[in-house]
Amino acid sequence: MSAAPQARRPAPRRRSPEEKAARLAERIAAEKAEVEARRPKVVVSDDVVIRDADVQVSRADPNAQRGAGETVRVRRAGPMPIEPPLPPMRAGEVRIDMAAYTARRLADEADRAMERQRRRQLDPCNLGLYGGWDD
């Protein structure tokens, strides 16, 4: 009984690190493009247009005219506002203006620093004649 010699398969060619990196980068880019294509983009938030878009209306939408896929153009009315308008206040609600608060806090800190400096000038040896330096 003689066994037929089996043909040896050629060893797979080894890829260089550069080739491996290029293939990995291609695969990652393809996956990223696929994810971004599936993710819906925000066009309007709280009745404020975030970005311009041509939105494709689904045929399954009950508001679409006779199931025809149509395109709705969404455009900003003017330049993008810095902040969206605030909603109306309800009874008993308090709204804090953080910009005014921050400005007032910084002014108070500067006043305290000037007062501390003035007390140090009046009593350079810290004898306590006009109160401590850091009261």
C-alpha atoms as a PDB file:
ATOM      1  CA  MET A   1       0.000   0.000   0.000  1.00  0.00           C
ATOM      2  CA  SER A   2       1.505   3.088  -1.093  1.00  0.00           C
ATOM      3  CA  ALA A   3       0.041   6.384  -0.089  1.00  0.00           C
ATOM      4  CA  ALA A   4      -0.095   9.085  -2.692  1.00  0.00           C
ATOM      5  CA  PRO A   5       2.012  12.046  -1.676  1.00  0.00           C
ATOM      6  CA  GLN A   6      -0.150  14.977  -0.684  1.00  0.00           C
ATOM      7  CA  ALA A   7       0.486  18.253  -2.401  1.00  0.00           C
ATOM      8  CA  ARG A   8       1.735  20.879  -0.020  1.00  0.00           C
ATOM      9  CA  ARG A   9      -0.130  24.123   0.101  1.00  0.00           C
ATOM     10  CA  PRO A  10       2.069  27.141  -0.258  1.00  0.00           C
ATOM     11  CA  ALA A  11       2.587  29.056   2.956  1.00  0.00           C
ATOM     12  CA  PRO A  12       0.522  32.242   3.153  1.00  0.00           C
ATOM     13  CA  ARG A  13       2.444  35.369   2.330  1.00  0.00           C
ATOM     14  CA  ARG A  14       3.176  37.433   5.399  1.00  0.00           C
ATOM     15  CA  ARG A  15       2.027  41.016   5.288  1.00  0.00           C
ATOM     16  CA  SER A  16       4.246  43.852   6.322  1.00  0.00           C
ATOM     17  CA  PRO A  17       3.138  46.085   9.214  1.00  0.00           C
ATOM     18  CA  GLU A  18       2.383  48.862   6.713  1.00  0.00           C
ATOM     19  CA  GLU A  19       0.052  46.590   4.734  1.00  0.00           C
ATOM     20  CA  LYS A  20      -1.680  45.464   7.920  1.00  0.00           C
ATOM     21  CA  ALA A  21      -2.131  49.075   9.027  1.00  0.00           C
ATOM     22  CA  ALA A  22      -3.509  50.090   5.610  1.00  0.00           C
ATOM     23  CA  ARG A  23      -6.054  47.234   5.619  1.00  0.00           C
ATOM     24  CA  LEU A  24      -7.093  48.045   9.189  1.00  0.00           C
ATOM     25  CA  ALA A  25      -7.511  51.729   8.317  1.00  0.00           C
ATOM     26  CA  GLU A  26      -9.659  50.839   5.291  1.00  0.00           C
ATOM     27  CA  ARG A  27     -11.850  48.540   7.378  1.00  0.00           C
ATOM     28  CA  ILE A  28     -12.293  51.164  10.123  1.00  0.00           C
ATOM     29  CA  ALA A  29     -13.143  53.880   7.568  1.00  0.00           C
ATOM     30  CA  ALA A  30     -15.734  51.622   5.918  1.00  0.00           C
ATOM     31  CA  GLU A  31     -17.357  50.798   9.273  1.00  0.00           C
ATOM     32  CA  LYS A  32     -17.373  54.478  10.283  1.00  0.00           C
ATOM     33  CA  ALA A  33     -18.965  55.533   6.986  1.00  0.00           C
ATOM     34  CA  GLU A  34     -21.606  52.831   7.393  1.00  0.00           C
ATOM     35  CA  VAL A  35     -22.450  53.992  10.938  1.00  0.00           C
ATOM     36  CA  GLU A  36     -22.603  57.661   9.897  1.00  0.00           C
ATOM     37  CA  ALA A  37     -24.858  56.819   6.973  1.00  0.00           C
ATOM     38  CA  ARG A  38     -27.323  55.089   9.317  1.00  0.00           C
ATOM     39  CA  ARG A  39     -27.344  57.802  11.985  1.00  0.00           C
ATOM     40  CA  PRO A  40     -30.010  60.499  11.430  1.00  0.00           C
ATOM     41  CA  LYS A  41     -28.797  64.078  11.631  1.00  0.00           C
ATOM     42  CA  VAL A  42     -30.585  66.697  13.745  1.00  0.00           C
ATOM     43  CA  VAL A  43     -32.147  69.381  11.581  1.00  0.00           C
ATOM     44  CA  VAL A  44     -34.565  71.143  13.962  1.00  0.00           C
ATOM     45  CA  SER A  45     -34.477  71.308  17.754  1.00  0.00           C
ATOM     46  CA  ASP A  46     -37.149  73.172  19.744  1.00  0.00           C
ATOM     47  CA  ASP A  47     -38.416  74.859  16.562  1.00  0.00           C
ATOM     48  CA  VAL A  48     -34.942  76.286  15.854  1.00  0.00           C
ATOM     49  CA  VAL A  49     -33.297  75.141  12.620  1.00  0.00           C
ATOM     50  CA  ILE A  50     -29.876  73.701  13.460  1.00  0.00           C
ATOM     51  CA  ARG A  51     -28.646  73.116   9.920  1.00  0.00           C
ATOM     52  CA  ASP A  52     -29.873  73.249   6.324  1.00  0.00           C
ATOM     53  CA  ALA A  53     -31.056  69.962   4.868  1.00  0.00           C
ATOM     54  CA  ASP A  54     -33.065  68.299   2.137  1.00  0.00           C
ATOM     55  CA  VAL A  55     -35.108  65.714   4.031  1.00  0.00           C
ATOM     56  CA  GLN A  56     -36.499  62.703   2.196  1.00  0.00           C
ATOM     57  CA  VAL A  57     -40.045  61.978   3.429  1.00  0.00           C
ATOM     58  CA  SER A  58     -40.798  58.309   3.993  1.00  0.00           C
ATOM     59  CA  ARG A  59     -43.532  56.694   1.918  1.00  0.00           C
ATOM     60  CA  ALA A  60     -44.857  55.143   5.129  1.00  0.00           C
ATOM     61  CA  ASP A  61     -45.467  58.628   6.595  1.00  0.00           C
ATOM     62  CA  PRO A  62     -49.249  59.160   6.905  1.00  0.00           C
ATOM     63  CA  ASN A  63     -48.773  62.876   6.195  1.00  0.00           C
ATOM     64  CA  ALA A  64     -47.032  62.262   2.873  1.00  0.00           C
ATOM     65  CA  GLN A  65     -49.191  62.940  -0.155  1.00  0.00           C
ATOM     66  CA  ARG A  66     -50.506  59.630  -1.513  1.00  0.00           C
ATOM     67  CA  GLY A  67     -47.417  57.694  -0.497  1.00  0.00           C
ATOM     68  CA  ALA A  68     -45.159  59.587  -2.896  1.00  0.00           C
ATOM     69  CA  GLY A  69     -41.633  60.012  -1.562  1.00  0.00           C
ATOM     70  CA  GLU A  70     -41.046  63.728  -1.585  1.00  0.00           C
ATOM     71  CA  THR A  71     -38.231  65.991  -0.454  1.00  0.00           C
ATOM     72  CA  VAL A  72     -38.718  68.765   2.102  1.00  0.00           C
ATOM     73  CA  ARG A  73     -36.225  71.622   2.017  1.00  0.00           C
ATOM     74  CA  VAL A  74     -35.334  72.939   5.491  1.00  0.00           C
ATOM     75  CA  ARG A  75     -33.422  76.217   5.531  1.00  0.00           C
ATOM     76  CA  ARG A  76     -32.409  78.652   8.247  1.00  0.00           C
ATOM     77  CA  ALA A  77     -34.320  81.909   8.208  1.00  0.00           C
ATOM     78  CA  GLY A  78     -31.220  83.973   8.894  1.00  0.00           C
ATOM     79  CA  PRO A  79     -27.924  83.736  10.701  1.00  0.00           C
ATOM     80  CA  MET A  80     -27.793  81.060  13.367  1.00  0.00           C
ATOM     81  CA  PRO A  81     -28.705  82.483  16.796  1.00  0.00           C
ATOM     82  CA  ILE A  82     -26.052  82.200  19.471  1.00  0.00           C
ATOM     83  CA  GLU A  83     -28.535  80.666  21.906  1.00  0.00           C
ATOM     84  CA  PRO A  84     -32.012  79.338  21.258  1.00  0.00           C
ATOM     85  CA  PRO A  85     -34.763  81.515  22.726  1.00  0.00           C
ATOM     86  CA  LEU A  86     -35.697  80.682  26.294  1.00  0.00           C
ATOM     87  CA  PRO A  87     -39.101  79.141  26.935  1.00  0.00           C
ATOM     88  CA  PRO A  88     -41.658  81.306  28.760  1.00  0.00           C
ATOM     89  CA  MET A  89     -41.404  81.217  32.541  1.00  0.00           C
ATOM     90  CA  ARG A  90     -44.077  79.474  34.582  1.00  0.00           C
ATOM     91  CA  ALA A  91     -45.540  80.794  37.824  1.00  0.00           C
ATOM     92  CA  GLY A  92     -43.085  80.440  40.694  1.00  0.00           C
ATOM     93  CA  GLU A  93     -40.156  79.735  38.384  1.00  0.00           C
ATOM     94  CA  VAL A  94     -36.859  81.566  38.861  1.00  0.00           C
ATOM     95  CA  ARG A  95     -34.308  82.030  36.096  1.00  0.00           C
ATOM     96  CA  ILE A  96     -30.687  82.839  36.958  1.00  0.00           C
ATOM     97  CA  ASP A  97     -28.584  84.904  34.579  1.00  0.00           C
ATOM     98  CA  MET A  98     -25.247  83.098  34.909  1.00  0.00           C
ATOM     99  CA  ALA A  99     -23.325  85.745  32.965  1.00  0.00           C
ATOM    100  CA  ALA A 100     -24.486  88.479  35.379  1.00  0.00           C
ATOM    101  CA  TYR A 101     -23.788  86.224  38.368  1.00  0.00           C
ATOM    102  CA  THR A 102     -20.249  85.498  37.177  1.00  0.00           C
ATOM    103  CA  ALA A 103     -19.534  89.181  36.538  1.00  0.00           C
ATOM    104  CA  ARG A 104     -20.860  90.102  39.998  1.00  0.00           C
ATOM    105  CA  ARG A 105     -18.843  87.312  41.683  1.00  0.00           C
ATOM    106  CA  LEU A 106     -15.629  88.445  39.985  1.00  0.00           C
ATOM    107  CA  ALA A 107     -16.308  92.066  40.977  1.00  0.00           C
ATOM    108  CA  ASP A 108     -16.908  91.011  44.613  1.00  0.00           C
ATOM    109  CA  GLU A 109     -13.661  89.006  44.646  1.00  0.00           C
ATOM    110  CA  ALA A 110     -11.769  92.018  43.296  1.00  0.00           C
ATOM    111  CA  ASP A 111     -13.354  94.266  45.966  1.00  0.00           C
ATOM    112  CA  ARG A 112     -12.359  91.829  48.725  1.00  0.00           C
ATOM    113  CA  ALA A 113      -8.788  91.687  47.397  1.00  0.00           C
ATOM    114  CA  MET A 114      -8.566  95.510  47.334  1.00  0.00           C
ATOM    115  CA  GLU A 115      -9.953  95.746  50.892  1.00  0.00           C
ATOM    116  CA  ARG A 116      -7.447  93.125  52.107  1.00  0.00           C
ATOM    117  CA  GLN A 117      -4.618  95.090  50.437  1.00  0.00           C
ATOM    118  CA  ARG A 118      -5.821  98.343  52.059  1.00  0.00           C
ATOM    119  CA  ARG A 119      -5.862  96.732  55.531  1.00  0.00           C
ATOM    120  CA  ARG A 120      -2.321  95.429  54.988  1.00  0.00           C
ATOM    121  CA  GLN A 121      -1.151  98.940  54.093  1.00  0.00           C
ATOM    122  CA  LEU A 122      -2.810 100.422  57.228  1.00  0.00           C
ATOM    123  CA  ASP A 123      -1.344  97.799  59.556  1.00  0.00           C
ATOM    124  CA  PRO A 124       1.869  96.448  57.945  1.00  0.00           C
ATOM    125  CA  CYS A 125       2.977  94.554  61.094  1.00  0.00           C
ATOM    126  CA  ASN A 126      -0.437  92.859  61.551  1.00  0.00           C
ATOM    127  CA  LEU A 127      -0.932  94.194  65.082  1.00  0.00           C
ATOM    128  CA  GLY A 128      -4.692  93.868  64.694  1.00  0.00           C
ATOM    129  CA  LEU A 129      -5.389  97.609  64.951  1.00  0.00           C
ATOM    130  CA  TYR A 130      -7.889  97.582  62.058  1.00  0.00           C
ATOM    131  CA  GLY A 131      -8.816  93.915  62.140  1.00  0.00           C
ATOM    132  CA  GLY A 132      -6.886  90.956  60.783  1.00  0.00           C
ATOM    133  CA  TRP A 133      -5.629  90.926  57.226  1.00  0.00           C
ATOM    134  CA  ASP A 134      -7.758  87.993  56.131  1.00  0.00           C
ATOM    135  CA  ASP A 135     -11.068  88.652  57.937  1.00  0.00           C
END
